[in-house]
């Protein structure tokens, strides 16, 4: 095992810039068309030059990839498509040597149907100790052919699948809040709690600086399996945000705090109730949680200011920093989303053929980069957003793999469009994503096809273009790091007129014009950075600026 280096700064997480790596689509080191750890290691200097403080790597574990790796078969093994455990340890060590910490995904709500525990549960049969680690239950009705509940899956459709007994007769049902290949774990079982605490130790021992907790509010279920109330009150939902869940994260925090340096817990917590959301961020639970409200808001001054105010107000009482993110591996990319008539985001609204104006979307995405980087707290950047990649919305139907597409009956295009492999160099696919295989010849086609018009969006092309999205992101992150007022700390709104947002962070003011007409800049002594050029001293529409005041 690679010896973990000391991680000394105890508050690094409060204002860190964290880059999300979706390894299957980041860089391919062996030419098979799938991103891997060799590819990631080769591109670590790129991330250093971009100016990030940490990487968040989505699941790299052994998995049949029924849900892009979020169906984990073994939390202590790297999937062979990505590499080996030794290579994962090298990623962690080599990144840290470049000043980049590593955060990894842990998926505690469910496992893969191929996980050893679930295979043992199927083999052991009803009433067995092996099945007690999951939610196996007899069906309703005379023949048990009615599902135990009518809970709806996050991937649409039912949340129960019926098993088959060894003699071929129908058996019990098992619960899966997502796809049938992802059986939910029973978090009231001591084996489950002990196993995941040990998984945390396994990766902390290898030097990871933090854990991103997938579907963090879903772990605990009401054992009586009631139906979902029409209007559940706080803590009353049978499988979302149960009060008992906080005992889990207090135990995880104790594990994290037992290690030298700050090992952070980052929650994926989708909750509308801000007071309930903040409970996950109490000093003995998680360090931070994703701010999905801001990401889902439309390009609208009133909406964005409201989200910023609500977010900061929710975090204040628990002393946790907010997080700011424009997209991730599940969400339509900003360049596409911000170019739409409805620029908000909701999973239920995704449809094929939704029109977008990419020129408008690109301009707004550039302004949003300055806006989010100036807000108090930590910043997340999803791979490819720094290149201004659009959502790929014309993928052939026969290459789509996301279960959200399949379970919607083909209505929802799914999430594959934001997971297309990155373009690094060259004028044709695979745009430097894949190296030539060791045995010679050309690289294999990428696991999702790249558009034919991405030559101008490669890292190579953008590095030589001073007006590119990549150069803007590098300037933004360098200036954010250089300015003591940015990152963690207070925010003060600056009075403006019209659809213009402006706020001060010490002697730096961020101003964003979300209106239709050019707007005057607030009083300032210097213009530090703009997302697009000023127009005769005025701030054009869909443009942001950082000012010295």
Protein backbone atom coordinates (compact mmCIF):
# COMPACT_ATOMS: atom_id res chain seq x y z
CA UNK A 1 0.00 0.00 0.00
CA UNK A 2 1.30 3.46 -0.93
CA UNK A 3 2.20 5.49 2.14
CA UNK A 4 -0.25 8.38 2.48
CA UNK A 5 1.34 11.82 2.75
CA UNK A 6 0.30 14.15 5.58
CA UNK A 7 -2.57 16.51 4.76
CA UNK A 8 -2.02 19.50 6.97
CA UNK A 9 -4.39 22.41 6.24
CA UNK A 10 -7.42 21.70 8.49
CA UNK A 11 -9.74 24.13 6.67
CA UNK A 12 -8.80 23.39 3.05
CA UNK A 13 -12.33 22.19 2.30
CA UNK A 14 -14.03 25.47 3.20
CA UNK A 15 -12.97 27.27 0.02
CA UNK A 16 -11.54 24.51 -2.18
CA UNK A 17 -12.01 24.31 -5.93
CA UNK A 18 -12.96 20.69 -6.58
CA UNK A 19 -12.96 19.18 -10.06
CA UNK A 20 -15.28 16.26 -10.75
CA UNK A 21 -13.68 13.42 -12.70
CA UNK A 22 -15.98 10.93 -14.39
CA UNK A 23 -13.17 8.45 -15.09
CA UNK A 24 -14.91 6.57 -17.90
CA UNK A 25 -14.94 9.80 -19.94
CA UNK A 26 -11.90 11.76 -18.73
CA UNK A 27 -8.88 10.18 -20.47
CA UNK A 28 -8.06 6.75 -21.88
CA UNK A 29 -4.56 5.44 -21.28
CA UNK A 30 -4.71 2.07 -23.07
CA UNK A 31 -6.61 2.82 -26.28
CA UNK A 32 -9.71 0.73 -25.59
CA UNK A 33 -12.07 3.72 -25.83
CA UNK A 34 -12.87 3.84 -22.12
CA UNK A 35 -11.31 6.30 -19.71
CA UNK A 36 -9.12 4.78 -17.03
CA UNK A 37 -6.72 5.55 -14.18
CA UNK A 38 -3.70 5.55 -16.49
CA UNK A 39 -5.38 8.29 -18.47
CA UNK A 40 -6.24 10.23 -15.32
CA UNK A 41 -2.66 10.01 -14.06
CA UNK A 42 -1.34 11.33 -17.37
CA UNK A 43 -3.63 14.37 -17.17
CA UNK A 44 -2.98 15.36 -13.55
CA UNK A 45 -0.64 18.19 -14.68
CA UNK A 46 -3.56 19.62 -16.67
CA UNK A 47 -5.62 19.77 -13.48
CA UNK A 48 -2.74 21.40 -11.62
CA UNK A 49 -2.47 24.05 -14.34
CA UNK A 50 -6.23 24.58 -14.29
CA UNK A 51 -5.87 25.55 -10.63
CA UNK A 52 -7.95 23.02 -8.73
CA UNK A 53 -7.39 22.04 -5.10
CA UNK A 54 -8.98 18.59 -5.21
CA UNK A 55 -10.56 16.06 -7.52
CA UNK A 56 -13.75 14.17 -6.85
CA UNK A 57 -13.60 10.83 -8.67
CA UNK A 58 -16.94 9.18 -9.34
CA UNK A 59 -17.10 5.42 -8.65
CA UNK A 60 -14.06 3.56 -9.89
CA UNK A 61 -15.02 0.32 -8.13
CA UNK A 62 -15.72 -3.07 -9.61
CA UNK A 63 -19.16 -2.77 -11.19
CA UNK A 64 -21.27 -4.20 -14.01
CA UNK A 65 -22.06 -0.56 -14.93
CA UNK A 66 -25.84 -0.91 -14.88
CA UNK A 67 -25.87 2.67 -13.60
CA UNK A 68 -22.54 4.13 -14.67
CA UNK A 69 -20.64 2.61 -11.74
CA UNK A 70 -23.15 3.57 -9.05
CA UNK A 71 -23.98 -0.12 -8.80
CA UNK A 72 -20.96 -1.27 -6.81
CA UNK A 73 -19.99 -4.93 -6.65
CA UNK A 74 -16.88 -4.48 -4.48
CA UNK A 75 -15.95 -1.25 -2.65
CA UNK A 76 -12.35 -2.37 -2.13
CA UNK A 77 -11.53 -3.30 -5.73
CA UNK A 78 -11.04 -1.13 -8.81
CA UNK A 79 -12.98 -2.15 -11.90
CA UNK A 80 -10.58 -3.78 -14.39
CA UNK A 81 -11.83 -1.39 -17.08
CA UNK A 82 -10.25 1.43 -15.07
CA UNK A 83 -7.13 -0.28 -13.73
CA UNK A 84 -5.98 -1.69 -10.41
CA UNK A 85 -5.97 -0.77 -6.74
CA UNK A 86 -2.27 -0.02 -7.04
CA UNK A 87 -3.03 2.49 -9.80
CA UNK A 88 -5.71 4.11 -7.64
CA UNK A 89 -3.15 4.54 -4.86
CA UNK A 90 -0.78 6.09 -7.41
CA UNK A 91 -3.48 8.55 -8.51
CA UNK A 92 -4.01 9.61 -4.90
CA UNK A 93 -0.27 9.99 -4.20
CA UNK A 94 0.68 11.64 -7.49
CA UNK A 95 -2.20 14.10 -7.28
CA UNK A 96 -1.25 15.04 -3.74
CA UNK A 97 2.34 15.61 -4.84
CA UNK A 98 0.92 18.21 -7.26
CA UNK A 99 -1.10 19.84 -4.48
CA UNK A 100 -4.37 18.12 -5.41
CA UNK A 101 -6.35 16.13 -2.85
CA UNK A 102 -8.63 13.24 -3.84
CA UNK A 103 -12.27 12.76 -2.86
CA UNK A 104 -13.95 9.49 -3.83
CA UNK A 105 -17.57 8.43 -4.13
CA UNK A 106 -19.15 6.02 -1.67
CA UNK A 107 -22.59 4.67 -2.53
CA UNK A 108 -24.21 3.55 0.74
CA UNK A 109 -27.89 3.31 -0.16
CA UNK A 110 -27.52 0.28 -2.42
CA UNK A 111 -25.08 -2.18 -3.95
CA UNK A 112 -24.93 -4.03 -7.23
CA UNK A 113 -26.99 -7.18 -7.67
CA UNK A 114 -23.59 -8.83 -8.22
CA UNK A 115 -22.28 -7.80 -4.79
CA UNK A 116 -21.33 -10.86 -2.74
CA UNK A 117 -23.88 -10.00 -0.06
CA UNK A 118 -26.79 -9.89 -2.49
CA UNK A 119 -25.77 -13.08 -4.25
CA UNK A 120 -25.63 -14.78 -0.86
CA UNK A 121 -29.03 -13.35 0.05
CA UNK A 122 -30.63 -14.75 -3.09
CA UNK A 123 -29.07 -18.14 -2.47
CA UNK A 124 -30.00 -18.27 1.22
CA UNK A 125 -33.72 -17.74 0.83
CA UNK A 126 -36.49 -16.13 2.89
CA UNK A 127 -35.90 -15.49 6.58
CA UNK A 128 -32.13 -15.93 6.32
CA UNK A 129 -29.57 -13.68 8.04
CA UNK A 130 -28.16 -12.89 4.59
CA UNK A 131 -31.46 -11.42 3.45
CA UNK A 132 -31.75 -9.29 6.60
CA UNK A 133 -29.06 -6.97 5.19
CA UNK A 134 -31.50 -5.93 2.46
CA UNK A 135 -35.21 -5.20 2.17
CA UNK A 136 -36.73 -8.54 1.18
CA UNK A 137 -40.46 -8.73 1.80
CA UNK A 138 -43.41 -10.96 0.86
CA UNK A 139 -45.83 -9.49 -1.63
CA UNK A 140 -49.39 -8.54 -0.86
CA UNK A 141 -52.48 -10.37 -2.09
CA UNK A 142 -53.48 -14.01 -1.98
CA UNK A 143 -50.54 -15.08 -4.12
CA UNK A 144 -48.06 -12.44 -3.04
CA UNK A 145 -48.04 -10.94 -6.50
CA UNK A 146 -48.73 -7.35 -5.39
CA UNK A 147 -45.71 -5.19 -4.55
CA UNK A 148 -45.22 -4.45 -0.82
CA UNK A 149 -45.56 -0.69 -1.47
CA UNK A 150 -46.30 1.61 -4.38
CA UNK A 151 -43.19 3.73 -3.81
CA UNK A 152 -41.91 5.31 -7.03
CA UNK A 153 -38.30 4.89 -8.15
CA UNK A 154 -35.97 7.87 -8.63
CA UNK A 155 -35.46 6.33 -12.09
CA UNK A 156 -39.25 6.16 -12.65
CA UNK A 157 -41.29 3.00 -12.36
CA UNK A 158 -41.59 0.65 -9.40
CA UNK A 159 -39.18 0.16 -6.53
CA UNK A 160 -39.71 -3.59 -6.05
CA UNK A 161 -38.59 -6.61 -8.05
CA UNK A 162 -39.78 -10.14 -7.36
CA UNK A 163 -37.33 -12.98 -6.95
CA UNK A 164 -37.68 -16.53 -8.22
CA UNK A 165 -37.36 -19.47 -5.86
CA UNK A 166 -35.02 -22.39 -6.71
CA UNK A 167 -38.03 -24.45 -7.79
CA UNK A 168 -39.05 -21.75 -10.28
CA UNK A 169 -41.98 -20.39 -8.28
CA UNK A 170 -42.28 -16.65 -7.56
CA UNK A 171 -40.53 -15.61 -4.38
CA UNK A 172 -40.14 -12.55 -2.19
CA UNK A 173 -39.73 -9.00 -3.45
CA UNK A 174 -36.69 -6.80 -2.84
CA UNK A 175 -36.53 -3.02 -2.63
CA UNK A 176 -34.52 -0.80 -4.99
CA UNK A 177 -35.11 2.96 -4.98
CA UNK A 178 -33.18 3.09 -8.26
CA UNK A 179 -32.76 0.34 -10.87
CA UNK A 180 -33.51 -3.35 -10.14
CA UNK A 181 -29.77 -4.02 -10.44
CA UNK A 182 -29.26 -1.81 -7.34
CA UNK A 183 -30.83 -3.50 -4.29
CA UNK A 184 -31.18 -1.21 -1.27
CA UNK A 185 -29.32 -2.03 1.92
CA UNK A 186 -31.00 -2.22 5.32
CA UNK A 187 -29.28 0.41 7.44
CA UNK A 188 -30.88 -0.85 10.64
CA UNK A 189 -28.63 -3.92 10.33
CA UNK A 190 -25.33 -3.73 12.27
CA UNK A 191 -23.43 -5.54 9.51
CA UNK A 192 -24.24 -2.76 7.06
CA UNK A 193 -23.11 0.00 9.39
CA UNK A 194 -19.89 -1.82 10.30
CA UNK A 195 -19.10 -2.61 6.67
CA UNK A 196 -19.28 0.97 5.48
CA UNK A 197 -17.28 2.33 8.39
CA UNK A 198 -14.61 -0.17 7.40
CA UNK A 199 -14.85 0.94 3.75
CA UNK A 200 -14.17 4.51 4.88
CA UNK A 201 -11.11 3.37 6.82
CA UNK A 202 -9.90 1.34 3.83
CA UNK A 203 -9.77 4.44 1.64
CA UNK A 204 -8.65 6.91 4.31
CA UNK A 205 -5.72 4.54 4.95
CA UNK A 206 -4.83 4.98 1.27
CA UNK A 207 -4.76 8.74 1.53
CA UNK A 208 -8.09 9.98 0.22
CA UNK A 209 -8.97 13.38 1.62
CA UNK A 210 -12.70 12.97 1.57
CA UNK A 211 -15.80 10.96 0.76
CA UNK A 212 -18.67 12.13 -1.43
CA UNK A 213 -21.79 10.36 -0.17
CA UNK A 214 -24.20 9.37 -2.93
CA UNK A 215 -27.97 9.69 -2.31
CA UNK A 216 -27.13 10.62 1.24
CA UNK A 217 -30.66 11.28 2.49
CA UNK A 218 -32.13 7.93 1.40
CA UNK A 219 -30.37 5.33 3.52
CA UNK A 220 -32.84 4.78 6.37
CA UNK A 221 -36.32 3.40 5.70
CA UNK A 222 -39.39 3.04 7.88
CA UNK A 223 -39.46 -0.67 8.67
CA UNK A 224 -43.26 -0.73 8.63
CA UNK A 225 -43.14 0.14 4.90
CA UNK A 226 -46.00 2.65 4.89
CA UNK A 227 -47.09 4.40 1.72
CA UNK A 228 -45.74 7.91 1.08
CA UNK A 229 -48.11 10.50 2.60
CA UNK A 230 -49.54 13.08 0.22
CA UNK A 231 -47.80 15.84 2.16
CA UNK A 232 -45.21 14.22 4.47
CA UNK A 233 -44.11 16.39 7.35
CA UNK A 234 -40.48 16.69 8.52
CA UNK A 235 -39.08 13.23 9.09
CA UNK A 236 -42.35 11.54 8.02
CA UNK A 237 -41.32 10.30 4.57
CA UNK A 238 -40.84 6.52 4.70
CA UNK A 239 -37.56 6.50 2.75
CA UNK A 240 -36.24 10.09 2.52
CA UNK A 241 -34.58 12.11 5.29
CA UNK A 242 -35.50 9.91 8.22
CA UNK A 243 -34.38 11.26 11.59
CA UNK A 244 -32.39 8.11 12.37
CA UNK A 245 -30.07 8.77 9.43
CA UNK A 246 -28.07 11.29 11.42
CA UNK A 247 -26.73 8.53 13.68
CA UNK A 248 -25.07 7.05 10.58
CA UNK A 249 -23.26 10.25 9.71
CA UNK A 250 -22.20 10.96 13.29
CA UNK A 251 -20.50 7.57 13.25
CA UNK A 252 -18.88 8.35 9.87
CA UNK A 253 -17.66 11.71 11.16
CA UNK A 254 -16.02 9.97 14.10
CA UNK A 255 -14.17 7.72 11.65
CA UNK A 256 -13.07 10.71 9.55
CA UNK A 257 -11.97 12.69 12.60
CA UNK A 258 -9.82 9.80 13.82
CA UNK A 259 -7.36 10.50 10.97
CA UNK A 260 -4.66 13.16 10.89
CA UNK A 261 -5.58 16.13 8.77
CA UNK A 262 -9.15 16.93 7.79
CA UNK A 263 -10.90 14.10 5.94
CA UNK A 264 -14.16 15.56 4.71
CA UNK A 265 -17.64 14.15 4.23
CA UNK A 266 -19.58 15.69 1.34
CA UNK A 267 -23.25 14.83 1.02
CA UNK A 268 -25.45 14.52 -2.03
CA UNK A 269 -28.55 15.79 -0.23
CA UNK A 270 -31.56 16.68 -2.39
CA UNK A 271 -33.97 18.36 0.05
CA UNK A 272 -36.22 21.38 -0.37
CA UNK A 273 -36.52 21.96 3.38
CA UNK A 274 -33.48 24.11 4.15
CA UNK A 275 -33.72 23.56 7.90
CA UNK A 276 -33.69 19.78 7.42
CA UNK A 277 -30.85 20.15 4.90
CA UNK A 278 -28.76 22.08 7.44
CA UNK A 279 -29.08 19.29 10.00
CA UNK A 280 -26.72 17.18 7.90
CA UNK A 281 -24.08 19.91 8.32
CA UNK A 282 -23.98 20.07 12.09
CA UNK A 283 -20.43 20.03 13.47
CA UNK A 284 -20.51 16.30 14.25
CA UNK A 285 -21.92 15.21 10.86
CA UNK A 286 -20.96 16.18 7.29
CA UNK A 287 -18.58 18.99 6.42
CA UNK A 288 -20.46 20.16 3.32
CA UNK A 289 -23.33 19.15 1.05
CA UNK A 290 -24.12 19.95 -2.55
CA UNK A 291 -26.22 23.02 -3.22
CA UNK A 292 -28.61 21.74 -5.86
CA UNK A 293 -31.05 24.62 -5.50
CA UNK A 294 -28.67 27.09 -7.14
CA UNK A 295 -27.80 24.68 -9.95
CA UNK A 296 -31.46 24.18 -10.80
CA UNK A 297 -32.40 27.87 -10.93
CA UNK A 298 -32.99 29.63 -14.25
CA UNK A 299 -30.82 32.46 -15.61
CA UNK A 300 -32.80 35.11 -13.78
CA UNK A 301 -31.54 37.80 -11.40
CA UNK A 302 -34.34 37.49 -8.86
CA UNK A 303 -34.20 33.69 -8.81
CA UNK A 304 -30.43 33.54 -8.44
CA UNK A 305 -30.29 36.14 -5.69
CA UNK A 306 -33.05 34.33 -3.83
CA UNK A 307 -31.12 31.05 -4.09
CA UNK A 308 -27.90 32.67 -2.85
CA UNK A 309 -29.70 34.25 0.11
CA UNK A 310 -31.54 31.05 1.01
CA UNK A 311 -28.35 29.01 0.73
CA UNK A 312 -26.24 31.29 2.92
CA UNK A 313 -29.03 31.61 5.48
CA UNK A 314 -29.33 27.82 5.73
CA UNK A 315 -25.60 27.31 6.23
CA UNK A 316 -25.04 30.15 8.69
CA UNK A 317 -26.51 28.58 11.84
CA UNK A 318 -24.37 25.44 11.53
CA UNK A 319 -21.19 27.26 10.49
CA UNK A 320 -20.72 25.23 7.33
CA UNK A 321 -19.58 26.75 4.04
CA UNK A 322 -21.89 26.61 1.06
CA UNK A 323 -20.99 24.78 -2.12
CA UNK A 324 -21.57 26.14 -5.63
CA UNK A 325 -21.92 23.97 -8.70
CA UNK A 326 -23.30 24.52 -12.20
CA UNK A 327 -23.54 20.89 -13.29
CA UNK A 328 -22.40 17.32 -12.71
CA UNK A 329 -22.58 13.90 -14.36
CA UNK A 330 -26.37 13.84 -13.96
CA UNK A 331 -27.32 17.32 -15.18
CA UNK A 332 -27.64 19.04 -18.57
CA UNK A 333 -24.47 21.04 -19.23
CA UNK A 334 -24.69 24.83 -18.63
CA UNK A 335 -23.86 25.85 -22.21
CA UNK A 336 -26.94 23.98 -23.39
CA UNK A 337 -29.19 24.62 -20.41
CA UNK A 338 -28.63 28.38 -20.25
CA UNK A 339 -29.43 28.73 -23.94
CA UNK A 340 -32.98 27.47 -23.52
CA UNK A 341 -36.19 29.40 -23.06
CA UNK A 342 -36.55 27.59 -19.73
CA UNK A 343 -33.02 27.64 -18.37
CA UNK A 344 -33.88 25.94 -15.07
CA UNK A 345 -33.20 22.25 -14.51
CA UNK A 346 -35.51 19.43 -13.47
CA UNK A 347 -35.07 15.74 -14.21
CA UNK A 348 -38.78 15.41 -15.00
CA UNK A 349 -38.55 18.06 -17.74
CA UNK A 350 -35.79 16.46 -19.84
CA UNK A 351 -37.03 15.68 -23.33
CA UNK A 352 -35.60 15.04 -26.76
CA UNK A 353 -35.64 17.95 -29.20
CA UNK A 354 -35.67 20.82 -26.72
CA UNK A 355 -34.26 23.81 -28.65
CA UNK A 356 -31.28 25.79 -27.39
CA UNK A 357 -29.22 28.77 -28.53
CA UNK A 358 -25.63 27.70 -27.88
CA UNK A 359 -24.24 31.20 -28.44
CA UNK A 360 -26.48 32.58 -25.69
CA UNK A 361 -25.80 29.57 -23.50
CA UNK A 362 -22.04 29.92 -23.90
CA UNK A 363 -22.12 33.61 -23.00
CA UNK A 364 -24.20 32.92 -19.91
CA UNK A 365 -22.03 29.96 -18.89
CA UNK A 366 -18.97 32.22 -19.03
CA UNK A 367 -20.70 34.76 -16.79
CA UNK A 368 -21.88 32.00 -14.45
CA UNK A 369 -18.26 30.86 -14.02
CA UNK A 370 -17.36 34.26 -12.57
CA UNK A 371 -20.52 34.38 -10.48
CA UNK A 372 -20.07 31.00 -8.81
CA UNK A 373 -16.33 31.42 -8.28
CA UNK A 374 -16.94 34.67 -6.38
CA UNK A 375 -19.55 33.27 -3.97
CA UNK A 376 -18.57 32.31 -0.39
CA UNK A 377 -17.58 28.68 0.11
CA UNK A 378 -16.26 25.91 -2.11
CA UNK A 379 -16.61 25.54 -5.88
CA UNK A 380 -17.18 22.38 -7.91
CA UNK A 381 -16.36 22.14 -11.62
CA UNK A 382 -17.64 19.20 -13.67
CA UNK A 383 -15.14 17.93 -16.22
CA UNK A 384 -15.64 19.58 -19.60
CA UNK A 385 -17.49 22.62 -18.30
CA UNK A 386 -14.16 24.43 -18.31
CA UNK A 387 -14.06 23.68 -22.05
CA UNK A 388 -17.59 24.95 -22.63
CA UNK A 389 -18.76 21.57 -23.87
CA UNK A 390 -22.43 21.43 -24.79
CA UNK A 391 -24.76 18.57 -23.94
CA UNK A 392 -24.55 15.98 -26.73
CA UNK A 393 -28.20 15.57 -27.63
CA UNK A 394 -27.99 13.64 -30.88
CA UNK A 395 -26.40 10.43 -29.65
CA UNK A 396 -27.73 7.39 -31.55
CA UNK A 397 -30.44 5.68 -29.56
CA UNK A 398 -28.61 2.35 -29.73
CA UNK A 399 -25.61 3.73 -27.76
CA UNK A 400 -27.61 5.21 -24.87
CA UNK A 401 -26.88 3.35 -21.64
CA UNK A 402 -28.47 5.42 -18.88
CA UNK A 403 -31.26 3.56 -17.04
CA UNK A 404 -33.18 6.83 -16.72
CA UNK A 405 -33.69 6.71 -20.49
CA UNK A 406 -34.69 3.05 -20.53
CA UNK A 407 -37.06 3.24 -17.54
CA UNK A 408 -38.82 6.30 -18.97
CA UNK A 409 -39.89 4.27 -21.97
CA UNK A 410 -37.54 6.28 -24.15
CA UNK A 411 -39.13 9.66 -23.34
CA UNK A 412 -36.25 10.97 -21.18
CA UNK A 413 -32.98 11.25 -23.15
CA UNK A 414 -31.13 10.33 -19.97
CA UNK A 415 -27.76 11.53 -18.73
CA UNK A 416 -25.39 10.14 -21.35
CA UNK A 417 -25.23 13.49 -23.15
CA UNK A 418 -23.12 15.06 -20.41
CA UNK A 419 -20.88 11.99 -20.13
CA UNK A 420 -19.37 11.96 -23.63
CA UNK A 421 -15.54 11.56 -23.51
CA UNK A 422 -13.51 14.77 -23.34
CA UNK A 423 -11.68 16.21 -26.39
CA UNK A 424 -7.99 16.83 -25.70
CA UNK A 425 -6.31 17.46 -29.06
CA UNK A 426 -6.48 16.98 -32.83
CA UNK A 427 -9.17 17.68 -35.38
CA UNK A 428 -11.07 14.37 -35.43
CA UNK A 429 -12.37 11.84 -32.94
CA UNK A 430 -11.16 10.60 -30.53
CA UNK A 431 -9.55 14.07 -30.14
CA UNK A 432 -6.65 12.75 -28.10
CA UNK A 433 -8.94 11.09 -25.58
CA UNK A 434 -7.35 7.70 -26.25
CA UNK A 435 -3.71 6.79 -26.67
CA UNK A 436 -2.72 4.13 -29.18
CA UNK A 437 -3.00 0.61 -27.73
CA UNK A 438 0.22 -1.05 -26.59
CA UNK A 439 0.01 -3.66 -29.33
CA UNK A 440 -0.14 -0.96 -32.01
CA UNK A 441 -2.86 0.23 -34.33
CA UNK A 442 -5.53 2.86 -33.82
CA UNK A 443 -7.48 3.46 -30.61
CA UNK A 444 -10.87 1.85 -30.33
CA UNK A 445 -13.97 4.04 -30.76
CA UNK A 446 -14.89 5.90 -27.59
CA UNK A 447 -17.58 4.26 -25.47
CA UNK A 448 -19.90 7.13 -26.36
CA UNK A 449 -19.29 8.80 -29.74
CA UNK A 450 -17.91 12.33 -29.78
CA UNK A 451 -19.43 14.99 -32.08
CA UNK A 452 -17.70 15.71 -35.38
CA UNK A 453 -17.59 19.46 -34.63
CA UNK A 454 -15.55 19.42 -31.40
CA UNK A 455 -12.15 20.29 -32.91
CA UNK A 456 -12.39 23.91 -31.67
CA UNK A 457 -13.31 22.73 -28.18
CA UNK A 458 -10.22 20.58 -27.51
CA UNK A 459 -7.81 21.52 -24.75
CA UNK A 460 -5.11 21.97 -27.39
CA UNK A 461 -7.20 24.43 -29.43
CA UNK A 462 -8.37 26.40 -26.41
CA UNK A 463 -4.94 26.75 -24.83
CA UNK A 464 -3.83 28.89 -27.79
CA UNK A 465 -7.02 31.00 -27.83
CA UNK A 466 -7.01 33.84 -25.26
CA UNK A 467 -10.80 34.17 -25.56
CA UNK A 468 -11.57 30.49 -24.94
CA UNK A 469 -13.59 29.07 -22.06
CA UNK A 470 -10.53 27.17 -20.82
CA UNK A 471 -8.42 30.31 -20.64
CA UNK A 472 -11.26 32.07 -18.82
CA UNK A 473 -11.50 29.28 -16.24
CA UNK A 474 -7.75 29.32 -15.67
CA UNK A 475 -7.85 33.09 -15.14
CA UNK A 476 -10.86 32.83 -12.83
CA UNK A 477 -9.32 30.13 -10.64
CA UNK A 478 -5.91 31.83 -10.51
CA UNK A 479 -7.45 35.14 -9.46
CA UNK A 480 -9.74 33.43 -6.96
CA UNK A 481 -6.72 31.84 -5.33
CA UNK A 482 -4.74 35.10 -5.34
CA UNK A 483 -7.50 37.26 -3.82
CA UNK A 484 -7.78 36.78 -0.03
CA UNK A 485 -11.36 38.10 -0.04
CA UNK A 486 -12.63 35.29 -2.28
CA UNK A 487 -13.45 31.78 -1.16
CA UNK A 488 -14.78 31.37 2.38
CA UNK A 489 -16.09 34.45 4.16
CA UNK A 490 -18.86 37.07 4.16
CA UNK A 491 -20.85 38.54 1.27
CA UNK A 492 -22.46 41.98 1.08
CA UNK A 493 -24.98 42.86 -1.61
CA UNK A 494 -24.33 46.03 -3.61
CA UNK A 495 -27.33 48.12 -4.65
CA UNK A 496 -28.07 47.96 -8.39
CA UNK A 497 -30.94 48.69 -10.75
CA UNK A 498 -32.65 46.36 -13.17
CA UNK A 499 -31.68 42.72 -13.61
CA UNK A 500 -28.14 43.16 -12.33
CA UNK A 501 -26.61 41.27 -9.39
CA UNK A 502 -23.64 42.74 -7.54
CA UNK A 503 -22.01 41.74 -4.27
CA UNK A 504 -18.82 42.64 -2.46
CA UNK A 505 -16.27 40.20 -1.10
CA UNK A 506 -13.90 42.52 0.76
CA UNK A 507 -12.39 44.84 -1.83
CA UNK A 508 -13.57 42.67 -4.76
CA UNK A 509 -17.02 43.18 -6.26
CA UNK A 510 -18.69 40.70 -8.58
CA UNK A 511 -21.33 42.14 -10.90
CA UNK A 512 -23.47 40.11 -13.32
CA UNK A 513 -25.83 41.58 -15.91
CA UNK A 514 -28.79 39.22 -16.42
CA UNK A 515 -30.88 41.89 -18.10
CA UNK A 516 -31.52 42.74 -21.73
CA UNK A 517 -29.49 45.97 -21.96
CA UNK A 518 -25.89 47.01 -21.16
CA UNK A 519 -25.54 48.22 -17.56
CA UNK A 520 -23.18 50.65 -15.83
CA UNK A 521 -20.56 49.18 -13.50
CA UNK A 522 -20.61 49.97 -9.78
CA UNK A 523 -17.93 52.35 -8.53
CA UNK A 524 -14.50 50.75 -8.80
CA UNK A 525 -10.80 51.45 -9.15
CA UNK A 526 -9.89 48.61 -11.49
CA UNK A 527 -11.47 45.90 -13.65
CA UNK A 528 -9.87 42.61 -12.63
CA UNK A 529 -11.64 40.24 -15.03
CA UNK A 530 -14.66 40.07 -17.31
CA UNK A 531 -16.40 37.09 -18.84
CA UNK A 532 -16.68 38.99 -22.15
CA UNK A 533 -15.36 42.42 -23.21
CA UNK A 534 -17.02 45.58 -21.91
CA UNK A 535 -19.00 47.73 -24.36
CA UNK A 536 -17.88 51.38 -24.09
CA UNK A 537 -17.39 50.91 -20.35
CA UNK A 538 -20.76 49.22 -19.89
CA UNK A 539 -21.38 45.63 -18.88
CA UNK A 540 -23.14 43.82 -21.78
CA UNK A 541 -26.06 41.49 -21.22
CA UNK A 542 -25.19 38.01 -19.93
CA UNK A 543 -21.75 39.20 -18.84
CA UNK A 544 -19.98 39.26 -15.47
CA UNK A 545 -17.06 41.28 -14.10
CA UNK A 546 -14.82 41.26 -11.07
CA UNK A 547 -13.92 44.76 -9.91
CA UNK A 548 -11.47 46.21 -7.43
CA UNK A 549 -13.31 48.62 -5.16
